[in-house]
N, C-alpha and C. Protein backbone atom coordinates (compact mmCIF):
# COMPACT_ATOMS: atom_id res chain seq x y z
N MET A 1 -120.43 263.41 89.84
CA MET A 1 -119.51 263.18 91.18
C MET A 1 -120.32 262.21 92.20
N LEU A 2 -119.60 261.10 92.70
CA LEU A 2 -120.12 260.40 93.57
C LEU A 2 -120.10 260.89 94.91
N LYS A 3 -121.16 260.50 95.59
CA LYS A 3 -121.14 261.23 97.27
C LYS A 3 -121.36 259.95 98.06
N LYS A 4 -120.36 259.82 99.00
CA LYS A 4 -120.32 258.52 99.79
C LYS A 4 -121.14 259.13 101.16
N GLN A 5 -121.94 258.20 101.74
CA GLN A 5 -122.71 258.21 102.98
C GLN A 5 -123.31 257.05 103.38
N LYS A 6 -123.64 257.12 104.65
CA LYS A 6 -124.21 256.01 105.33
C LYS A 6 -125.39 256.09 105.33
N VAL A 7 -126.44 255.07 105.11
CA VAL A 7 -127.99 254.92 104.93
C VAL A 7 -128.31 253.68 105.58
N PRO A 8 -129.53 253.69 106.32
CA PRO A 8 -130.05 252.77 106.72
C PRO A 8 -130.35 251.57 105.65
N ILE A 9 -129.95 250.30 106.00
CA ILE A 9 -130.14 249.21 105.22
C ILE A 9 -131.76 249.17 104.66
N ALA A 10 -132.56 249.49 105.79
CA ALA A 10 -134.07 249.26 105.41
C ALA A 10 -134.71 250.14 104.51
N ASN A 11 -133.70 251.30 104.18
CA ASN A 11 -134.19 252.23 103.30
C ASN A 11 -133.74 252.09 101.85
N VAL A 12 -133.05 250.73 101.55
CA VAL A 12 -132.38 250.48 100.02
C VAL A 12 -133.58 249.50 99.70
N ARG A 13 -134.11 250.01 98.51
CA ARG A 13 -134.93 248.85 97.83
C ARG A 13 -134.17 248.25 96.83
N VAL A 14 -134.72 247.06 96.41
CA VAL A 14 -134.01 246.11 95.52
C VAL A 14 -134.70 245.88 94.58
N PRO A 15 -134.59 246.21 93.23
CA PRO A 15 -135.79 245.85 92.06
C PRO A 15 -135.93 244.32 91.57
N VAL A 16 -136.92 244.27 91.61
CA VAL A 16 -137.46 242.64 91.48
C VAL A 16 -136.41 242.12 90.72
N LYS A 17 -136.12 242.55 89.34
CA LYS A 17 -135.22 241.62 88.62
C LYS A 17 -133.79 241.54 89.33
N ARG A 18 -133.56 242.45 90.05
CA ARG A 18 -132.06 242.38 90.68
C ARG A 18 -132.09 240.77 91.61
N VAL A 19 -133.23 240.94 92.24
CA VAL A 19 -133.25 239.76 93.26
C VAL A 19 -133.04 238.45 92.82
N LYS A 20 -133.59 238.40 91.43
CA LYS A 20 -133.50 237.09 90.64
C LYS A 20 -131.93 236.68 90.57
N THR A 21 -131.26 237.71 90.48
CA THR A 21 -129.69 237.14 90.36
C THR A 21 -128.77 237.03 91.63
N LEU A 22 -129.66 236.77 92.72
CA LEU A 22 -129.00 236.53 94.19
C LEU A 22 -128.16 235.34 94.22
N ASP A 23 -127.05 235.28 94.47
CA ASP A 23 -126.33 234.07 94.86
C ASP A 23 -125.99 233.82 96.18
N ALA A 24 -126.57 232.92 96.74
CA ALA A 24 -126.57 232.55 98.41
C ALA A 24 -125.09 232.31 98.79
N GLU A 25 -124.16 231.63 97.80
CA GLU A 25 -122.97 231.29 98.23
C GLU A 25 -122.07 232.51 98.25
N LYS A 26 -122.30 233.43 96.99
CA LYS A 26 -121.50 234.58 96.99
C LYS A 26 -121.79 235.56 98.29
N VAL A 27 -123.23 235.53 98.52
CA VAL A 27 -123.41 236.46 99.61
C VAL A 27 -122.64 235.73 101.19
N ARG A 28 -122.68 234.54 101.46
CA ARG A 28 -121.97 234.09 102.38
C ARG A 28 -120.23 234.13 102.51
N THR A 29 -119.94 234.16 101.10
CA THR A 29 -118.42 234.44 101.00
C THR A 29 -118.20 236.02 101.33
N ILE A 30 -118.75 236.81 100.86
CA ILE A 30 -118.87 238.33 101.23
C ILE A 30 -118.82 238.49 102.62
N ALA A 31 -120.01 238.05 103.15
CA ALA A 31 -120.30 238.23 104.62
C ALA A 31 -119.05 237.82 105.52
N GLU A 32 -118.43 236.59 105.15
CA GLU A 32 -117.30 236.13 105.80
C GLU A 32 -115.98 237.11 105.54
N ASP A 33 -115.89 237.66 104.49
CA ASP A 33 -114.85 238.82 104.17
C ASP A 33 -115.23 239.86 104.97
N MET A 34 -116.48 240.28 105.05
CA MET A 34 -116.74 241.51 105.92
C MET A 34 -116.51 241.56 107.32
N LEU A 35 -116.67 240.46 107.89
CA LEU A 35 -116.30 240.22 109.32
C LEU A 35 -115.16 240.65 109.57
N GLU A 36 -113.90 240.05 108.72
CA GLU A 36 -112.73 240.12 108.96
C GLU A 36 -112.15 241.79 108.41
N ASN A 37 -112.84 242.27 107.48
CA ASN A 37 -112.24 243.67 106.91
C ASN A 37 -113.22 244.62 106.71
N GLY A 38 -114.61 244.49 107.10
CA GLY A 38 -115.73 245.66 107.09
C GLY A 38 -116.10 245.68 105.60
N GLN A 39 -116.93 246.40 105.43
CA GLN A 39 -117.16 246.95 104.31
C GLN A 39 -115.95 247.76 103.25
N THR A 40 -115.45 247.34 102.33
CA THR A 40 -114.42 247.99 101.61
C THR A 40 -114.65 248.75 100.63
N THR A 41 -116.13 248.44 99.85
CA THR A 41 -116.61 249.09 98.65
C THR A 41 -117.94 249.33 99.06
N PRO A 42 -118.08 250.75 98.78
CA PRO A 42 -119.84 251.11 98.96
C PRO A 42 -120.65 250.75 97.69
N ILE A 43 -121.97 250.54 98.00
CA ILE A 43 -122.56 250.07 97.02
C ILE A 43 -123.26 251.48 96.15
N ARG A 44 -123.81 251.13 95.18
CA ARG A 44 -124.44 252.50 94.37
C ARG A 44 -125.77 252.49 94.61
N VAL A 45 -126.49 253.63 94.83
CA VAL A 45 -127.95 253.71 94.71
C VAL A 45 -128.07 255.08 94.18
N ARG A 46 -129.46 255.14 93.81
CA ARG A 46 -129.93 256.47 93.49
C ARG A 46 -131.19 256.68 94.33
N ALA A 47 -131.32 258.05 94.49
CA ALA A 47 -132.60 258.68 95.24
C ALA A 47 -133.80 258.36 94.87
N ASP A 48 -135.02 257.94 95.56
CA ASP A 48 -136.23 257.43 95.26
C ASP A 48 -137.22 257.96 96.43
N GLY A 49 -137.74 259.11 96.25
CA GLY A 49 -138.58 259.56 97.20
C GLY A 49 -137.86 259.76 98.47
N GLU A 50 -138.15 259.05 99.58
CA GLU A 50 -137.93 258.77 101.14
C GLU A 50 -136.49 257.92 101.26
N GLY A 51 -136.54 257.09 100.04
CA GLY A 51 -135.48 256.12 100.23
C GLY A 51 -134.33 255.90 99.16
N PHE A 52 -134.06 254.83 98.78
CA PHE A 52 -132.98 254.65 97.83
C PHE A 52 -133.46 253.58 96.89
N VAL A 53 -132.90 253.30 95.56
CA VAL A 53 -132.97 252.09 94.95
C VAL A 53 -131.58 251.70 94.56
N LEU A 54 -131.30 250.24 94.77
CA LEU A 54 -129.92 249.67 94.38
C LEU A 54 -129.68 249.81 93.10
N ILE A 55 -128.57 250.39 92.55
CA ILE A 55 -128.03 250.30 91.15
C ILE A 55 -126.98 248.99 91.40
N GLU A 56 -126.02 248.97 92.07
CA GLU A 56 -125.21 248.11 91.83
C GLU A 56 -124.73 247.74 93.33
N GLY A 57 -124.52 246.31 93.67
CA GLY A 57 -123.91 245.91 95.00
C GLY A 57 -125.05 245.11 95.84
N LEU A 58 -125.86 244.28 94.99
CA LEU A 58 -126.55 243.36 95.73
C LEU A 58 -126.08 242.39 96.71
N HIS A 59 -124.92 241.80 96.37
CA HIS A 59 -124.42 240.75 97.42
C HIS A 59 -123.89 241.36 98.50
N ARG A 60 -123.13 242.61 98.50
CA ARG A 60 -122.72 243.27 99.56
C ARG A 60 -123.88 243.53 100.40
N LEU A 61 -125.03 244.35 99.91
CA LEU A 61 -126.20 244.77 100.60
C LEU A 61 -126.56 243.50 101.43
N GLU A 62 -126.90 242.55 100.84
CA GLU A 62 -127.49 241.05 101.45
C GLU A 62 -126.68 240.56 102.36
N ALA A 63 -125.33 240.79 102.43
CA ALA A 63 -124.21 240.08 103.07
C ALA A 63 -124.44 241.12 104.57
N LEU A 64 -124.38 242.22 104.29
CA LEU A 64 -124.59 243.15 105.71
C LEU A 64 -125.81 242.89 106.30
N ARG A 65 -126.93 242.79 105.58
CA ARG A 65 -128.34 242.27 106.02
C ARG A 65 -128.08 241.11 106.84
N ALA A 66 -127.31 240.33 106.28
CA ALA A 66 -127.30 238.70 106.98
C ALA A 66 -126.54 238.71 108.27
N LEU A 67 -125.57 239.81 108.22
CA LEU A 67 -124.73 239.91 109.35
C LEU A 67 -125.39 240.80 110.56
N GLY A 68 -126.54 241.49 110.11
CA GLY A 68 -127.36 241.87 111.21
C GLY A 68 -127.23 243.58 111.31
N GLU A 69 -126.31 244.03 110.27
CA GLU A 69 -126.16 245.36 110.13
C GLU A 69 -127.38 246.21 110.13
N GLU A 70 -127.40 247.38 110.57
CA GLU A 70 -128.34 248.31 110.32
C GLU A 70 -128.20 249.33 109.23
N SER A 71 -126.80 249.74 109.00
CA SER A 71 -126.54 250.59 107.99
C SER A 71 -125.61 250.24 106.98
N ILE A 72 -125.34 250.92 105.87
CA ILE A 72 -124.27 250.71 104.75
C ILE A 72 -123.96 251.75 104.08
N GLU A 73 -122.61 251.59 103.79
CA GLU A 73 -121.95 252.76 103.00
C GLU A 73 -122.56 252.64 101.57
N VAL A 74 -122.89 253.90 101.00
CA VAL A 74 -123.35 253.91 99.65
C VAL A 74 -122.82 255.13 98.74
N TYR A 75 -122.56 254.87 97.69
CA TYR A 75 -122.24 256.13 96.69
C TYR A 75 -123.77 256.51 96.23
N LEU A 76 -124.16 257.85 96.44
CA LEU A 76 -125.59 258.05 95.94
C LEU A 76 -125.12 258.84 94.52
N VAL A 77 -125.90 258.05 93.53
CA VAL A 77 -125.37 258.56 92.25
C VAL A 77 -126.56 259.50 91.81
N GLN A 78 -126.12 260.84 91.32
CA GLN A 78 -127.38 261.64 90.68
C GLN A 78 -127.52 261.32 89.35
N ALA A 79 -128.96 261.55 89.14
CA ALA A 79 -129.23 261.36 87.58
C ALA A 79 -128.83 262.65 86.76
N ARG A 80 -128.35 262.30 85.53
CA ARG A 80 -128.04 263.33 84.60
C ARG A 80 -129.13 264.06 84.13
N LEU A 81 -129.04 265.26 84.15
CA LEU A 81 -130.20 266.16 83.50
C LEU A 81 -129.68 266.18 81.76
N HIS A 82 -130.85 266.08 80.92
CA HIS A 82 -130.16 266.03 79.44
C HIS A 82 -130.89 267.19 78.88
């Protein structure tokens, strides 16, 4: 089950492979939408020590960062135990 919460943007780490997929135009479009509607869909992260690692939502994360926001709504994904 996904647990929704707010976390500081500074505590979300983006894996290097994911950064390479960043599209600046898409970030700008999402940021404009967020100015009007706010964040409608939380990003997905997993816990990693003191912070979090991004799983899904790179463009939403970067859009909020560009808008100067300090926190972001996330779904905290729990790792499955085998």
